[in-house]
Amino acid sequence: MAPNTDIATRALIVTLKSPVGGKTSAQISEETGLSIRQINRIYARAIKRGFEPNHRPFILKDEWLEDASRSGRPSKKTPENTEKIIAKPGGNRHLSYHSLTDPKESRFQEDQADEEAWTDEEDERAAP
């Protein structure tokens, strides 16, 4: 999957590919490093959203070049929610010492503690 291009790169592509720029998709691909297919998609999307290549004066609007809305569930992680969690007393309660150390070392320490705490029934009977 191709990486997303920023809005400035999209504006460059639409400008170069329009009659004003007069470049082919292959020429733009050499200059920008993007695939010809991606260049054609960006240009076609701009036209579909309202860009008119032959209109004078030449106009290029952000809404013709912006990212499309994504499908799926919206993220719960918003700046407001993050601030609420940080400000809440005990907001970092899920942070533990074990999450800060090497998991192998933590497991070794846990096994040592289990061995020291474990008592056998025979040991309890033998104790005075």
C-alpha atoms as a PDB file:
ATOM      1  CA  MET A   1       0.000   0.000   0.000  1.00  0.00           C
ATOM      2  CA  ALA A   2       1.376   3.370  -0.981  1.00  0.00           C
ATOM      3  CA  PRO A   3       2.072   5.918   1.739  1.00  0.00           C
ATOM      4  CA  ASN A   4      -0.271   8.876   2.011  1.00  0.00           C
ATOM      5  CA  THR A   5       0.930  12.017   0.322  1.00  0.00           C
ATOM      6  CA  ASP A   6       0.636  15.381   1.993  1.00  0.00           C
ATOM      7  CA  ILE A   7      -1.636  18.072   0.638  1.00  0.00           C
ATOM      8  CA  ALA A   8       1.275  20.124  -0.757  1.00  0.00           C
ATOM      9  CA  THR A   9       2.473  17.188  -2.870  1.00  0.00           C
ATOM     10  CA  ARG A  10      -1.064  16.621  -4.137  1.00  0.00           C
ATOM     11  CA  ALA A  11      -1.317  20.310  -5.099  1.00  0.00           C
ATOM     12  CA  LEU A  12       1.984  20.027  -6.972  1.00  0.00           C
ATOM     13  CA  ILE A  13       0.785  16.937  -8.840  1.00  0.00           C
ATOM     14  CA  VAL A  14      -2.542  18.522  -9.852  1.00  0.00           C
ATOM     15  CA  THR A  15      -0.795  21.709 -10.965  1.00  0.00           C
ATOM     16  CA  LEU A  16       1.865  19.918 -13.001  1.00  0.00           C
ATOM     17  CA  LYS A  17      -0.617  17.527 -14.633  1.00  0.00           C
ATOM     18  CA  SER A  18      -3.132  20.274 -15.511  1.00  0.00           C
ATOM     19  CA  PRO A  19      -2.911  22.094 -18.857  1.00  0.00           C
ATOM     20  CA  VAL A  20      -1.127  24.930 -17.024  1.00  0.00           C
ATOM     21  CA  GLY A  21       1.746  22.598 -16.057  1.00  0.00           C
ATOM     22  CA  GLY A  22       1.585  20.492 -19.174  1.00  0.00           C
ATOM     23  CA  LYS A  23       3.498  17.496 -17.772  1.00  0.00           C
ATOM     24  CA  THR A  24       2.668  13.838 -18.275  1.00  0.00           C
ATOM     25  CA  SER A  25       2.153  11.387 -15.445  1.00  0.00           C
ATOM     26  CA  ALA A  26       5.473   9.716 -16.326  1.00  0.00           C
ATOM     27  CA  GLN A  27       7.345  13.029 -16.066  1.00  0.00           C
ATOM     28  CA  ILE A  28       5.695  13.845 -12.739  1.00  0.00           C
ATOM     29  CA  SER A  29       6.508  10.340 -11.496  1.00  0.00           C
ATOM     30  CA  GLU A  30      10.212  10.887 -12.236  1.00  0.00           C
ATOM     31  CA  GLU A  31      10.200  14.222 -10.401  1.00  0.00           C
ATOM     32  CA  THR A  32       8.165  13.196  -7.342  1.00  0.00           C
ATOM     33  CA  GLY A  33       9.007   9.501  -6.975  1.00  0.00           C
ATOM     34  CA  LEU A  34       5.326   8.534  -6.858  1.00  0.00           C
ATOM     35  CA  SER A  35       3.836   5.874  -9.099  1.00  0.00           C
ATOM     36  CA  ILE A  36       1.991   6.854 -12.263  1.00  0.00           C
ATOM     37  CA  ARG A  37      -1.113   5.139 -10.917  1.00  0.00           C
ATOM     38  CA  GLN A  38      -1.017   7.217  -7.721  1.00  0.00           C
ATOM     39  CA  ILE A  39      -0.554  10.429  -9.692  1.00  0.00           C
ATOM     40  CA  ASN A  40      -3.543   9.607 -11.903  1.00  0.00           C
ATOM     41  CA  ARG A  41      -5.685   8.811  -8.854  1.00  0.00           C
ATOM     42  CA  ILE A  42      -4.827  12.120  -7.150  1.00  0.00           C
ATOM     43  CA  TYR A  43      -5.623  14.062 -10.325  1.00  0.00           C
ATOM     44  CA  ALA A  44      -8.881  12.172 -10.958  1.00  0.00           C
ATOM     45  CA  ARG A  45      -9.993  12.650  -7.331  1.00  0.00           C
ATOM     46  CA  ALA A  46      -9.382  16.418  -7.586  1.00  0.00           C
ATOM     47  CA  ILE A  47     -11.489  16.586 -10.776  1.00  0.00           C
ATOM     48  CA  LYS A  48     -14.247  14.497  -9.178  1.00  0.00           C
ATOM     49  CA  ARG A  49     -14.346  16.906  -6.204  1.00  0.00           C
ATOM     50  CA  GLY A  50     -14.704  20.022  -8.361  1.00  0.00           C
ATOM     51  CA  PHE A  51     -11.330  20.927  -9.899  1.00  0.00           C
ATOM     52  CA  GLU A  52     -11.730  22.230 -13.450  1.00  0.00           C
ATOM     53  CA  PRO A  53      -8.403  22.006 -15.306  1.00  0.00           C
ATOM     54  CA  ASN A  54      -9.449  24.270 -18.205  1.00  0.00           C
ATOM     55  CA  HIS A  55     -11.033  27.008 -16.075  1.00  0.00           C
ATOM     56  CA  ARG A  56      -9.295  30.381 -16.006  1.00  0.00           C
ATOM     57  CA  PRO A  57      -8.159  31.845 -13.671  1.00  0.00           C
ATOM     58  CA  PHE A  58      -6.524  28.680 -12.364  1.00  0.00           C
ATOM     59  CA  ILE A  59      -8.075  27.811  -8.966  1.00  0.00           C
ATOM     60  CA  LEU A  60      -6.973  25.059  -6.613  1.00  0.00           C
ATOM     61  CA  LYS A  61      -8.889  24.558  -3.342  1.00  0.00           C
ATOM     62  CA  ASP A  62      -7.926  22.524  -0.282  1.00  0.00           C
ATOM     63  CA  GLU A  63     -11.214  20.597  -0.234  1.00  0.00           C
ATOM     64  CA  TRP A  64     -10.354  19.147  -3.650  1.00  0.00           C
ATOM     65  CA  LEU A  65      -7.073  17.782  -2.303  1.00  0.00           C
ATOM     66  CA  GLU A  66      -7.785  16.813   1.324  1.00  0.00           C
ATOM     67  CA  ASP A  67      -7.812  13.255   2.652  1.00  0.00           C
ATOM     68  CA  ALA A  68     -11.078  11.415   2.279  1.00  0.00           C
ATOM     69  CA  SER A  69     -12.904  10.494   5.466  1.00  0.00           C
ATOM     70  CA  ARG A  70     -11.976   7.063   6.769  1.00  0.00           C
ATOM     71  CA  SER A  71     -14.452   4.313   7.374  1.00  0.00           C
ATOM     72  CA  GLY A  72     -14.632   2.505  10.669  1.00  0.00           C
ATOM     73  CA  ARG A  73     -15.111   3.341  14.278  1.00  0.00           C
ATOM     74  CA  PRO A  74     -13.784   6.744  15.370  1.00  0.00           C
ATOM     75  CA  SER A  75     -10.840   6.718  17.720  1.00  0.00           C
ATOM     76  CA  LYS A  76     -11.637   7.047  21.418  1.00  0.00           C
ATOM     77  CA  LYS A  77      -8.270   8.655  21.995  1.00  0.00           C
ATOM     78  CA  THR A  78      -8.943  12.366  21.743  1.00  0.00           C
ATOM     79  CA  PRO A  79      -7.042  15.211  23.394  1.00  0.00           C
ATOM     80  CA  GLU A  80     -10.003  15.797  25.730  1.00  0.00           C
ATOM     81  CA  ASN A  81     -10.133  12.150  26.834  1.00  0.00           C
ATOM     82  CA  THR A  82      -6.369  12.041  27.327  1.00  0.00           C
ATOM     83  CA  GLU A  83      -6.506  15.120  29.561  1.00  0.00           C
ATOM     84  CA  LYS A  84      -9.316  13.571  31.612  1.00  0.00           C
ATOM     85  CA  ILE A  85      -7.308  10.402  32.183  1.00  0.00           C
ATOM     86  CA  ILE A  86      -4.156  12.279  33.181  1.00  0.00           C
ATOM     87  CA  ALA A  87      -6.039  14.650  35.499  1.00  0.00           C
ATOM     88  CA  LYS A  88      -7.992  11.834  37.164  1.00  0.00           C
ATOM     89  CA  PRO A  89      -6.541  10.691  40.520  1.00  0.00           C
ATOM     90  CA  GLY A  90      -4.994   7.292  39.960  1.00  0.00           C
ATOM     91  CA  GLY A  91      -5.171   7.833  36.197  1.00  0.00           C
ATOM     92  CA  ASN A  92      -1.947   5.907  35.718  1.00  0.00           C
ATOM     93  CA  ARG A  93      -3.021   2.965  37.857  1.00  0.00           C
ATOM     94  CA  HIS A  94      -2.320   0.490  35.078  1.00  0.00           C
ATOM     95  CA  LEU A  95       1.356   1.392  35.027  1.00  0.00           C
ATOM     96  CA  SER A  96       3.295  -1.167  37.008  1.00  0.00           C
ATOM     97  CA  TYR A  97       6.886  -1.854  37.875  1.00  0.00           C
ATOM     98  CA  HIS A  98       6.819  -5.005  35.754  1.00  0.00           C
ATOM     99  CA  SER A  99       5.924  -3.032  32.635  1.00  0.00           C
ATOM    100  CA  LEU A 100       9.113  -0.995  33.075  1.00  0.00           C
ATOM    101  CA  THR A 101      11.553  -3.900  33.352  1.00  0.00           C
ATOM    102  CA  ASP A 102      12.692  -6.744  31.176  1.00  0.00           C
ATOM    103  CA  PRO A 103       9.934  -9.414  31.114  1.00  0.00           C
ATOM    104  CA  LYS A 104      12.428 -12.288  31.464  1.00  0.00           C
ATOM    105  CA  GLU A 105      13.988 -10.690  34.529  1.00  0.00           C
ATOM    106  CA  SER A 106      10.556 -10.053  36.077  1.00  0.00           C
ATOM    107  CA  ARG A 107       9.548 -13.676  35.513  1.00  0.00           C
ATOM    108  CA  PHE A 108      12.772 -14.883  37.155  1.00  0.00           C
ATOM    109  CA  GLN A 109      12.139 -12.676  40.210  1.00  0.00           C
ATOM    110  CA  GLU A 110       8.548 -13.913  40.381  1.00  0.00           C
ATOM    111  CA  ASP A 111       9.694 -17.561  40.290  1.00  0.00           C
ATOM    112  CA  GLN A 112      12.195 -16.901  43.109  1.00  0.00           C
ATOM    113  CA  ALA A 113       9.475 -15.312  45.244  1.00  0.00           C
ATOM    114  CA  ASP A 114       7.146 -18.264  44.607  1.00  0.00           C
ATOM    115  CA  GLU A 115       9.841 -20.747  45.697  1.00  0.00           C
ATOM    116  CA  GLU A 116      10.517 -18.813  48.897  1.00  0.00           C
ATOM    117  CA  ALA A 117       6.822 -18.450  49.764  1.00  0.00           C
ATOM    118  CA  TRP A 118       5.834 -22.028  48.986  1.00  0.00           C
ATOM    119  CA  THR A 119       5.677 -24.424  51.902  1.00  0.00           C
ATOM    120  CA  ASP A 120       5.037 -28.126  51.798  1.00  0.00           C
ATOM    121  CA  GLU A 121       2.664 -29.885  54.161  1.00  0.00           C
ATOM    122  CA  GLU A 122       5.589 -31.938  55.437  1.00  0.00           C
ATOM    123  CA  ASP A 123       7.503 -28.757  56.304  1.00  0.00           C
ATOM    124  CA  GLU A 124       4.525 -27.478  58.277  1.00  0.00           C
ATOM    125  CA  ARG A 125       4.251 -30.748  60.232  1.00  0.00           C
ATOM    126  CA  ALA A 126       7.985 -30.792  60.927  1.00  0.00           C
ATOM    127  CA  ALA A 127       7.971 -27.253  62.248  1.00  0.00           C
ATOM    128  CA  PRO A 128       7.736 -27.057  66.104  1.00  0.00           C
END
